[in-house]
């Protein structure tokens, strides 16, 4: 039997079911291809298991401060938590160079 779906436990209470060929990474890859952006020019920020492939793909993979441990381990950089404006911190540090 060929599996047509990916089932991913995102948090203890959330399960994602999606088409096997779909992921955040595949979405980013398709968008980057269409916009002619190279992976090393991309920053991806995430916290949960469903962000792993996307973070690995990006030139700069960022884990939120409140991310799962496995996401922090694979990230190039760990930012502040959601409550501490971690995404804004990444924008200031890596895009605006502040």
PDB file of N, CA and C in Angstrom:
ATOM      1  N   UNK A   1       0.834  -1.181   0.000  1.00  0.00           N
ATOM      2  CA  UNK A   1       0.000   0.000   0.000  1.00  0.00           C
ATOM      3  C   UNK A   1       0.880   1.246   0.000  1.00  0.00           C
ATOM      4  N   UNK A   2       0.604   2.175  -0.878  1.00  0.00           N
ATOM      5  CA  UNK A   2       1.348   3.418  -0.958  1.00  0.00           C
ATOM      6  C   UNK A   2       0.694   4.442  -0.040  1.00  0.00           C
ATOM      7  N   UNK A   3       1.515   5.040   0.804  1.00  0.00           N
ATOM      8  CA  UNK A   3       1.010   6.054   1.718  1.00  0.00           C
ATOM      9  C   UNK A   3       0.862   7.362   0.968  1.00  0.00           C
ATOM     10  N   UNK A   4      -0.322   7.956   1.031  1.00  0.00           N
ATOM     11  CA  UNK A   4      -0.600   9.200   0.324  1.00  0.00           C
ATOM     12  C   UNK A   4      -0.521  10.415   1.235  1.00  0.00           C
ATOM     13  N   UNK A   5      -0.394  10.182   2.545  1.00  0.00           N
ATOM     14  CA  UNK A   5      -0.448  11.275   3.486  1.00  0.00           C
ATOM     15  C   UNK A   5       0.711  11.218   4.481  1.00  0.00           C
ATOM     16  N   UNK A   6       1.056  12.380   4.996  1.00  0.00           N
ATOM     17  CA  UNK A   6       2.012  12.490   6.093  1.00  0.00           C
ATOM     18  C   UNK A   6       1.214  12.874   7.329  1.00  0.00           C
ATOM     19  N   UNK A   7       1.453  12.178   8.408  1.00  0.00           N
ATOM     20  CA  UNK A   7       0.801  12.502   9.674  1.00  0.00           C
ATOM     21  C   UNK A   7       1.895  12.934  10.629  1.00  0.00           C
ATOM     22  N   UNK A   8       1.732  14.138  11.178  1.00  0.00           N
ATOM     23  CA  UNK A   8       2.759  14.712  12.025  1.00  0.00           C
ATOM     24  C   UNK A   8       2.141  15.228  13.308  1.00  0.00           C
ATOM     25  N   UNK A   9       2.669  14.768  14.432  1.00  0.00           N
ATOM     26  CA  UNK A   9       2.217  15.268  15.736  1.00  0.00           C
ATOM     27  C   UNK A   9       2.963  16.564  16.001  1.00  0.00           C
ATOM     28  N   UNK A  10       2.266  17.677  15.883  1.00  0.00           N
ATOM     29  CA  UNK A  10       2.879  18.999  15.996  1.00  0.00           C
ATOM     30  C   UNK A  10       3.065  19.402  17.446  1.00  0.00           C
ATOM     31  N   UNK A  11       2.070  19.184  18.257  1.00  0.00           N
ATOM     32  CA  UNK A  11       2.126  19.418  19.699  1.00  0.00           C
ATOM     33  C   UNK A  11       1.427  18.233  20.351  1.00  0.00           C
ATOM     34  N   UNK A  12       1.430  18.150  21.666  1.00  0.00           N
ATOM     35  CA  UNK A  12       0.732  17.032  22.305  1.00  0.00           C
ATOM     36  C   UNK A  12      -0.761  16.953  21.950  1.00  0.00           C
ATOM     37  N   UNK A  13      -1.332  18.068  21.469  1.00  0.00           N
ATOM     38  CA  UNK A  13      -2.761  18.101  21.197  1.00  0.00           C
ATOM     39  C   UNK A  13      -3.116  18.364  19.740  1.00  0.00           C
ATOM     40  N   UNK A  14      -2.118  18.534  18.870  1.00  0.00           N
ATOM     41  CA  UNK A  14      -2.379  18.857  17.465  1.00  0.00           C
ATOM     42  C   UNK A  14      -1.683  17.852  16.568  1.00  0.00           C
ATOM     43  N   UNK A  15      -2.438  17.297  15.621  1.00  0.00           N
ATOM     44  CA  UNK A  15      -1.902  16.392  14.621  1.00  0.00           C
ATOM     45  C   UNK A  15      -2.228  16.974  13.249  1.00  0.00           C
ATOM     46  N   UNK A  16      -1.219  17.045  12.373  1.00  0.00           N
ATOM     47  CA  UNK A  16      -1.430  17.524  11.011  1.00  0.00           C
ATOM     48  C   UNK A  16      -1.474  16.325  10.081  1.00  0.00           C
ATOM     49  N   UNK A  17      -2.416  16.344   9.162  1.00  0.00           N
ATOM     50  CA  UNK A  17      -2.496  15.340   8.113  1.00  0.00           C
ATOM     51  C   UNK A  17      -2.468  16.103   6.801  1.00  0.00           C
ATOM     52  N   UNK A  18      -1.491  15.787   5.960  1.00  0.00           N
ATOM     53  CA  UNK A  18      -1.386  16.492   4.690  1.00  0.00           C
ATOM     54  C   UNK A  18      -0.921  15.561   3.588  1.00  0.00           C
ATOM     55  N   UNK A  19      -1.136  15.989   2.377  1.00  0.00           N
ATOM     56  CA  UNK A  19      -0.699  15.241   1.210  1.00  0.00           C
ATOM     57  C   UNK A  19       0.805  14.986   1.332  1.00  0.00           C
ATOM     58  N   UNK A  20       1.247  13.809   0.988  1.00  0.00           N
ATOM     59  CA  UNK A  20       2.636  13.390   1.155  1.00  0.00           C
ATOM     60  C   UNK A  20       3.622  14.390   0.546  1.00  0.00           C
ATOM     61  N   UNK A  21       3.285  14.971  -0.582  1.00  0.00           N
ATOM     62  CA  UNK A  21       4.198  15.882  -1.264  1.00  0.00           C
ATOM     63  C   UNK A  21       4.145  17.310  -0.717  1.00  0.00           C
ATOM     64  N   UNK A  22       3.296  17.559   0.274  1.00  0.00           N
ATOM     65  CA  UNK A  22       3.146  18.908   0.824  1.00  0.00           C
ATOM     66  C   UNK A  22       3.876  19.056   2.151  1.00  0.00           C
ATOM     67  N   UNK A  23       4.514  20.199   2.294  1.00  0.00           N
ATOM     68  CA  UNK A  23       5.155  20.559   3.561  1.00  0.00           C
ATOM     69  C   UNK A  23       5.464  22.045   3.502  1.00  0.00           C
ATOM     70  N   UNK A  24       5.841  22.591   4.618  1.00  0.00           N
ATOM     71  CA  UNK A  24       6.258  23.993   4.617  1.00  0.00           C
ATOM     72  C   UNK A  24       7.483  24.154   3.727  1.00  0.00           C
ATOM     73  N   UNK A  25       8.395  23.180   3.787  1.00  0.00           N
ATOM     74  CA  UNK A  25       9.591  23.244   2.933  1.00  0.00           C
ATOM     75  C   UNK A  25       9.223  23.251   1.459  1.00  0.00           C
ATOM     76  N   UNK A  26       8.339  22.359   1.036  1.00  0.00           N
ATOM     77  CA  UNK A  26       7.990  22.312  -0.390  1.00  0.00           C
ATOM     78  C   UNK A  26       7.326  23.614  -0.828  1.00  0.00           C
ATOM     79  N   UNK A  27       6.541  24.229   0.048  1.00  0.00           N
ATOM     80  CA  UNK A  27       5.929  25.511  -0.264  1.00  0.00           C
ATOM     81  C   UNK A  27       6.974  26.607  -0.432  1.00  0.00           C
ATOM     82  N   UNK A  28       7.939  26.638   0.473  1.00  0.00           N
ATOM     83  CA  UNK A  28       9.023  27.625   0.390  1.00  0.00           C
ATOM     84  C   UNK A  28       9.852  27.383  -0.868  1.00  0.00           C
ATOM     85  N   UNK A  29      10.150  26.123  -1.172  1.00  0.00           N
ATOM     86  CA  UNK A  29      10.940  25.798  -2.366  1.00  0.00           C
ATOM     87  C   UNK A  29      10.243  26.273  -3.638  1.00  0.00           C
ATOM     88  N   UNK A  30       8.942  26.015  -3.734  1.00  0.00           N
ATOM     89  CA  UNK A  30       8.197  26.424  -4.932  1.00  0.00           C
ATOM     90  C   UNK A  30       8.142  27.938  -5.061  1.00  0.00           C
ATOM     91  N   UNK A  31       7.925  28.623  -3.967  1.00  0.00           N
ATOM     92  CA  UNK A  31       7.891  30.081  -3.984  1.00  0.00           C
ATOM     93  C   UNK A  31       9.268  30.645  -4.357  1.00  0.00           C
ATOM     94  N   UNK A  32      10.315  30.089  -3.780  1.00  0.00           N
ATOM     95  CA  UNK A  32      11.676  30.544  -4.078  1.00  0.00           C
ATOM     96  C   UNK A  32      12.009  30.337  -5.552  1.00  0.00           C
ATOM     97  N   UNK A  33      11.609  29.203  -6.080  1.00  0.00           N
ATOM     98  CA  UNK A  33      11.856  28.922  -7.498  1.00  0.00           C
ATOM     99  C   UNK A  33      11.141  29.945  -8.380  1.00  0.00           C
ATOM    100  N   UNK A  34       9.894  30.205  -8.069  1.00  0.00           N
ATOM    101  CA  UNK A  34       9.100  31.152  -8.855  1.00  0.00           C
ATOM    102  C   UNK A  34       9.681  32.565  -8.786  1.00  0.00           C
ATOM    103  N   UNK A  35      10.201  32.960  -7.617  1.00  0.00           N
ATOM    104  CA  UNK A  35      10.755  34.293  -7.420  1.00  0.00           C
ATOM    105  C   UNK A  35      12.261  34.364  -7.697  1.00  0.00           C
ATOM    106  N   UNK A  36      12.834  33.211  -8.092  1.00  0.00           N
ATOM    107  CA  UNK A  36      14.263  33.102  -8.395  1.00  0.00           C
ATOM    108  C   UNK A  36      15.129  33.508  -7.198  1.00  0.00           C
ATOM    109  N   UNK A  37      14.773  32.975  -6.045  1.00  0.00           N
ATOM    110  CA  UNK A  37      15.519  33.210  -4.810  1.00  0.00           C
ATOM    111  C   UNK A  37      16.264  31.927  -4.457  1.00  0.00           C
ATOM    112  N   UNK A  38      17.524  32.041  -4.138  1.00  0.00           N
ATOM    113  CA  UNK A  38      18.352  30.893  -3.764  1.00  0.00           C
ATOM    114  C   UNK A  38      18.130  30.546  -2.291  1.00  0.00           C
ATOM    115  N   UNK A  39      18.258  29.270  -1.930  1.00  0.00           N
ATOM    116  CA  UNK A  39      18.061  28.879  -0.527  1.00  0.00           C
ATOM    117  C   UNK A  39      18.926  29.666   0.459  1.00  0.00           C
ATOM    118  N   UNK A  40      20.156  30.008   0.073  1.00  0.00           N
ATOM    119  CA  UNK A  40      21.032  30.742   0.999  1.00  0.00           C
ATOM    120  C   UNK A  40      20.551  32.178   1.236  1.00  0.00           C
ATOM    121  N   UNK A  41      19.571  32.633   0.468  1.00  0.00           N
ATOM    122  CA  UNK A  41      19.003  33.973   0.641  1.00  0.00           C
ATOM    123  C   UNK A  41      17.733  33.964   1.498  1.00  0.00           C
ATOM    124  N   UNK A  42      17.370  32.784   2.004  1.00  0.00           N
ATOM    125  CA  UNK A  42      16.099  32.608   2.714  1.00  0.00           C
ATOM    126  C   UNK A  42      16.321  32.444   4.213  1.00  0.00           C
ATOM    127  N   UNK A  43      15.457  33.097   4.988  1.00  0.00           N
ATOM    128  CA  UNK A  43      15.412  32.897   6.437  1.00  0.00           C
ATOM    129  C   UNK A  43      14.068  32.242   6.752  1.00  0.00           C
ATOM    130  N   UNK A  44      14.093  31.126   7.446  1.00  0.00           N
ATOM    131  CA  UNK A  44      12.869  30.473   7.902  1.00  0.00           C
ATOM    132  C   UNK A  44      12.897  30.399   9.422  1.00  0.00           C
ATOM    133  N   UNK A  45      11.766  30.734  10.023  1.00  0.00           N
ATOM    134  CA  UNK A  45      11.653  30.766  11.477  1.00  0.00           C
ATOM    135  C   UNK A  45      10.549  29.812  11.903  1.00  0.00           C
ATOM    136  N   UNK A  46      10.823  28.975  12.884  1.00  0.00           N
ATOM    137  CA  UNK A  46       9.811  28.039  13.342  1.00  0.00           C
ATOM    138  C   UNK A  46      10.050  27.584  14.772  1.00  0.00           C
ATOM    139  N   UNK A  47       9.114  26.755  15.235  1.00  0.00           N
ATOM    140  CA  UNK A  47       9.180  26.293  16.619  1.00  0.00           C
ATOM    141  C   UNK A  47       8.785  24.832  16.791  1.00  0.00           C
ATOM    142  N   UNK A  48       8.006  24.301  15.857  1.00  0.00           N
ATOM    143  CA  UNK A  48       7.403  22.980  16.037  1.00  0.00           C
ATOM    144  C   UNK A  48       7.975  21.954  15.061  1.00  0.00           C
ATOM    145  N   UNK A  49       7.599  20.724  15.246  1.00  0.00           N
ATOM    146  CA  UNK A  49       8.079  19.633  14.406  1.00  0.00           C
ATOM    147  C   UNK A  49       7.789  19.822  12.932  1.00  0.00           C
ATOM    148  N   UNK A  50       6.690  20.481  12.605  1.00  0.00           N
ATOM    149  CA  UNK A  50       6.348  20.677  11.197  1.00  0.00           C
ATOM    150  C   UNK A  50       7.206  21.759  10.531  1.00  0.00           C
ATOM    151  N   UNK A  51       8.081  22.389  11.283  1.00  0.00           N
ATOM    152  CA  UNK A  51       8.980  23.414  10.755  1.00  0.00           C
ATOM    153  C   UNK A  51      10.380  22.867  10.453  1.00  0.00           C
ATOM    154  N   UNK A  52      10.658  21.638  10.840  1.00  0.00           N
ATOM    155  CA  UNK A  52      12.013  21.078  10.758  1.00  0.00           C
ATOM    156  C   UNK A  52      12.594  21.130   9.344  1.00  0.00           C
ATOM    157  N   UNK A  53      11.889  20.585   8.366  1.00  0.00           N
ATOM    158  CA  UNK A  53      12.422  20.542   6.998  1.00  0.00           C
ATOM    159  C   UNK A  53      12.624  21.945   6.435  1.00  0.00           C
ATOM    160  N   UNK A  54      11.722  22.845   6.746  1.00  0.00           N
ATOM    161  CA  UNK A  54      11.805  24.217   6.277  1.00  0.00           C
ATOM    162  C   UNK A  54      13.052  24.904   6.858  1.00  0.00           C
ATOM    163  N   UNK A  55      13.302  24.703   8.139  1.00  0.00           N
ATOM    164  CA  UNK A  55      14.456  25.305   8.801  1.00  0.00           C
ATOM    165  C   UNK A  55      15.754  24.727   8.240  1.00  0.00           C
ATOM    166  N   UNK A  56      15.768  23.434   7.956  1.00  0.00           N
ATOM    167  CA  UNK A  56      16.955  22.804   7.372  1.00  0.00           C
ATOM    168  C   UNK A  56      17.227  23.321   5.962  1.00  0.00           C
ATOM    169  N   UNK A  57      16.189  23.646   5.216  1.00  0.00           N
ATOM    170  CA  UNK A  57      16.308  24.112   3.831  1.00  0.00           C
ATOM    171  C   UNK A  57      16.882  25.522   3.746  1.00  0.00           C
ATOM    172  N   UNK A  58      16.493  26.382   4.645  1.00  0.00           N
ATOM    173  CA  UNK A  58      16.841  27.801   4.575  1.00  0.00           C
ATOM    174  C   UNK A  58      18.330  28.052   4.757  1.00  0.00           C
ATOM    175  N   UNK A  59      18.784  29.134   4.158  1.00  0.00           N
ATOM    176  CA  UNK A  59      20.157  29.572   4.376  1.00  0.00           C
ATOM    177  C   UNK A  59      20.393  29.928   5.829  1.00  0.00           C
ATOM    178  N   UNK A  60      19.358  30.484   6.462  1.00  0.00           N
ATOM    179  CA  UNK A  60      19.401  30.756   7.891  1.00  0.00           C
ATOM    180  C   UNK A  60      18.142  30.176   8.508  1.00  0.00           C
ATOM    181  N   UNK A  61      18.302  29.074   9.206  1.00  0.00           N
ATOM    182  CA  UNK A  61      17.192  28.428   9.897  1.00  0.00           C
ATOM    183  C   UNK A  61      17.162  28.892  11.336  1.00  0.00           C
ATOM    184  N   UNK A  62      16.029  29.459  11.744  1.00  0.00           N
ATOM    185  CA  UNK A  62      15.916  30.046  13.073  1.00  0.00           C
ATOM    186  C   UNK A  62      14.858  29.327  13.894  1.00  0.00           C
ATOM    187  N   UNK A  63      15.199  29.011  15.124  1.00  0.00           N
ATOM    188  CA  UNK A  63      14.241  28.439  16.072  1.00  0.00           C
ATOM    189  C   UNK A  63      13.805  29.526  17.036  1.00  0.00           C
ATOM    190  N   UNK A  64      12.534  29.544  17.342  1.00  0.00           N
ATOM    191  CA  UNK A  64      12.033  30.458  18.361  1.00  0.00           C
ATOM    192  C   UNK A  64      12.577  30.013  19.721  1.00  0.00           C
ATOM    193  N   UNK A  65      12.679  30.929  20.649  1.00  0.00           N
ATOM    194  CA  UNK A  65      13.168  30.602  21.984  1.00  0.00           C
ATOM    195  C   UNK A  65      12.316  29.574  22.698  1.00  0.00           C
ATOM    196  N   UNK A  66      11.033  29.500  22.332  1.00  0.00           N
ATOM    197  CA  UNK A  66      10.117  28.530  22.924  1.00  0.00           C
ATOM    198  C   UNK A  66       9.928  27.300  22.038  1.00  0.00           C
ATOM    199  N   UNK A  67      10.824  27.091  21.084  1.00  0.00           N
ATOM    200  CA  UNK A  67      10.729  25.958  20.158  1.00  0.00           C
ATOM    201  C   UNK A  67      11.004  24.630  20.857  1.00  0.00           C
ATOM    202  N   UNK A  68      10.552  23.549  20.212  1.00  0.00           N
ATOM    203  CA  UNK A  68      10.888  22.204  20.667  1.00  0.00           C
ATOM    204  C   UNK A  68      12.413  22.065  20.658  1.00  0.00           C
ATOM    205  N   UNK A  69      12.950  21.268  21.551  1.00  0.00           N
ATOM    206  CA  UNK A  69      14.401  21.052  21.640  1.00  0.00           C
ATOM    207  C   UNK A  69      14.983  20.563  20.321  1.00  0.00           C
ATOM    208  N   UNK A  70      14.287  19.660  19.631  1.00  0.00           N
ATOM    209  CA  UNK A  70      14.803  19.124  18.361  1.00  0.00           C
ATOM    210  C   UNK A  70      14.925  20.207  17.295  1.00  0.00           C
ATOM    211  N   UNK A  71      14.090  21.228  17.357  1.00  0.00           N
ATOM    212  CA  UNK A  71      14.156  22.325  16.404  1.00  0.00           C
ATOM    213  C   UNK A  71      15.326  23.242  16.758  1.00  0.00           C
ATOM    214  N   UNK A  72      15.521  23.495  18.021  1.00  0.00           N
ATOM    215  CA  UNK A  72      16.666  24.306  18.451  1.00  0.00           C
ATOM    216  C   UNK A  72      17.986  23.647  18.059  1.00  0.00           C
ATOM    217  N   UNK A  73      18.044  22.334  18.120  1.00  0.00           N
ATOM    218  CA  UNK A  73      19.273  21.604  17.796  1.00  0.00           C
ATOM    219  C   UNK A  73      19.664  21.752  16.335  1.00  0.00           C
ATOM    220  N   UNK A  74      18.695  21.815  15.428  1.00  0.00           N
ATOM    221  CA  UNK A  74      19.015  21.879  14.001  1.00  0.00           C
ATOM    222  C   UNK A  74      19.103  23.309  13.475  1.00  0.00           C
ATOM    223  N   UNK A  75      18.661  24.260  14.260  1.00  0.00           N
ATOM    224  CA  UNK A  75      18.645  25.659  13.818  1.00  0.00           C
ATOM    225  C   UNK A  75      20.052  26.256  13.795  1.00  0.00           C
ATOM    226  N   UNK A  76      20.230  27.228  12.908  1.00  0.00           N
ATOM    227  CA  UNK A  76      21.480  27.980  12.851  1.00  0.00           C
ATOM    228  C   UNK A  76      21.520  29.045  13.941  1.00  0.00           C
ATOM    229  N   UNK A  77      20.342  29.465  14.367  1.00  0.00           N
ATOM    230  CA  UNK A  77      20.237  30.546  15.352  1.00  0.00           C
ATOM    231  C   UNK A  77      18.969  30.331  16.162  1.00  0.00           C
ATOM    232  N   UNK A  78      19.026  30.624  17.455  1.00  0.00           N
ATOM    233  CA  UNK A  78      17.846  30.566  18.313  1.00  0.00           C
ATOM    234  C   UNK A  78      17.545  31.996  18.745  1.00  0.00           C
ATOM    235  N   UNK A  79      16.344  32.457  18.432  1.00  0.00           N
ATOM    236  CA  UNK A  79      15.937  33.814  18.763  1.00  0.00           C
ATOM    237  C   UNK A  79      15.182  33.833  20.087  1.00  0.00           C
ATOM    238  N   UNK A  80      14.588  34.949  20.383  1.00  0.00           N
ATOM    239  CA  UNK A  80      13.790  35.095  21.596  1.00  0.00           C
ATOM    240  C   UNK A  80      12.469  34.344  21.439  1.00  0.00           C
ATOM    241  N   UNK A  81      11.693  34.263  22.497  1.00  0.00           N
ATOM    242  CA  UNK A  81      10.399  33.570  22.450  1.00  0.00           C
ATOM    243  C   UNK A  81       9.357  34.412  21.726  1.00  0.00           C
ATOM    244  N   UNK A  82       8.187  33.818  21.516  1.00  0.00           N
ATOM    245  CA  UNK A  82       7.055  34.543  20.926  1.00  0.00           C
ATOM    246  C   UNK A  82       6.718  35.773  21.757  1.00  0.00           C
ATOM    247  N   UNK A  83       6.671  35.609  23.062  1.00  0.00           N
ATOM    248  CA  UNK A  83       6.305  36.710  23.951  1.00  0.00           C
ATOM    249  C   UNK A  83       7.369  37.795  24.015  1.00  0.00           C
ATOM    250  N   UNK A  84       8.585  37.480  23.592  1.00  0.00           N
ATOM    251  CA  UNK A  84       9.686  38.445  23.600  1.00  0.00           C
ATOM    252  C   UNK A  84       9.956  39.019  22.202  1.00  0.00           C
ATOM    253  N   UNK A  85       8.999  38.838  21.288  1.00  0.00           N
ATOM    254  CA  UNK A  85       9.123  39.377  19.920  1.00  0.00           C
ATOM    255  C   UNK A  85      10.305  38.785  19.155  1.00  0.00           C
ATOM    256  N   UNK A  86      10.434  37.464  19.213  1.00  0.00           N
ATOM    257  CA  UNK A  86      11.543  36.771  18.568  1.00  0.00           C
ATOM    258  C   UNK A  86      11.655  37.000  17.076  1.00  0.00           C
ATOM    259  N   UNK A  87      10.534  37.069  16.376  1.00  0.00           N
ATOM    260  CA  UNK A  87      10.573  37.299  14.925  1.00  0.00           C
ATOM    261  C   UNK A  87      11.098  38.712  14.645  1.00  0.00           C
ATOM    262  N   UNK A  88      10.625  39.701  15.386  1.00  0.00           N
ATOM    263  CA  UNK A  88      11.110  41.076  15.218  1.00  0.00           C
ATOM    264  C   UNK A  88      12.615  41.148  15.493  1.00  0.00           C
ATOM    265  N   UNK A  89      13.068  40.407  16.485  1.00  0.00           N
ATOM    266  CA  UNK A  89      14.501  40.364  16.793  1.00  0.00           C
ATOM    267  C   UNK A  89      15.295  39.854  15.587  1.00  0.00           C
ATOM    268  N   UNK A  90      14.816  38.804  14.933  1.00  0.00           N
ATOM    269  CA  UNK A  90      15.500  38.244  13.753  1.00  0.00           C
ATOM    270  C   UNK A  90      15.511  39.264  12.614  1.00  0.00           C
ATOM    271  N   UNK A  91      14.387  39.920  12.393  1.00  0.00           N
ATOM    272  CA  UNK A  91      14.328  40.937  11.332  1.00  0.00           C
ATOM    273  C   UNK A  91      15.327  42.057  11.611  1.00  0.00           C
ATOM    274  N   UNK A  92      15.353  42.542  12.838  1.00  0.00           N
ATOM    275  CA  UNK A  92      16.300  43.606  13.201  1.00  0.00           C
ATOM    276  C   UNK A  92      17.749  43.160  13.052  1.00  0.00           C
ATOM    277  N   UNK A  93      18.044  41.964  13.503  1.00  0.00           N
ATOM    278  CA  UNK A  93      19.430  41.473  13.517  1.00  0.00           C
ATOM    279  C   UNK A  93      19.943  41.101  12.126  1.00  0.00           C
ATOM    280  N   UNK A  94      19.150  40.375  11.359  1.00  0.00           N
ATOM    281  CA  UNK A  94      19.652  39.806  10.103  1.00  0.00           C
ATOM    282  C   UNK A  94      19.198  40.533   8.835  1.00  0.00           C
ATOM    283  N   UNK A  95      18.118  41.274   8.900  1.00  0.00           N
ATOM    284  CA  UNK A  95      17.647  41.975   7.705  1.00  0.00           C
ATOM    285  C   UNK A  95      17.969  43.463   7.795  1.00  0.00           C
ATOM    286  N   UNK A  96      17.644  44.084   8.910  1.00  0.00           N
ATOM    287  CA  UNK A  96      17.905  45.511   9.074  1.00  0.00           C
ATOM    288  C   UNK A  96      19.300  45.799   9.622  1.00  0.00           C
ATOM    289  N   UNK A  97      19.983  44.732  10.058  1.00  0.00           N
ATOM    290  CA  UNK A  97      21.340  44.819  10.598  1.00  0.00           C
ATOM    291  C   UNK A  97      21.471  45.781  11.781  1.00  0.00           C
ATOM    292  N   UNK A  98      20.481  45.744  12.659  1.00  0.00           N
ATOM    293  CA  UNK A  98      20.515  46.572  13.871  1.00  0.00           C
ATOM    294  C   UNK A  98      21.049  45.779  15.043  1.00  0.00           C
TER     295      UNK A  98
END
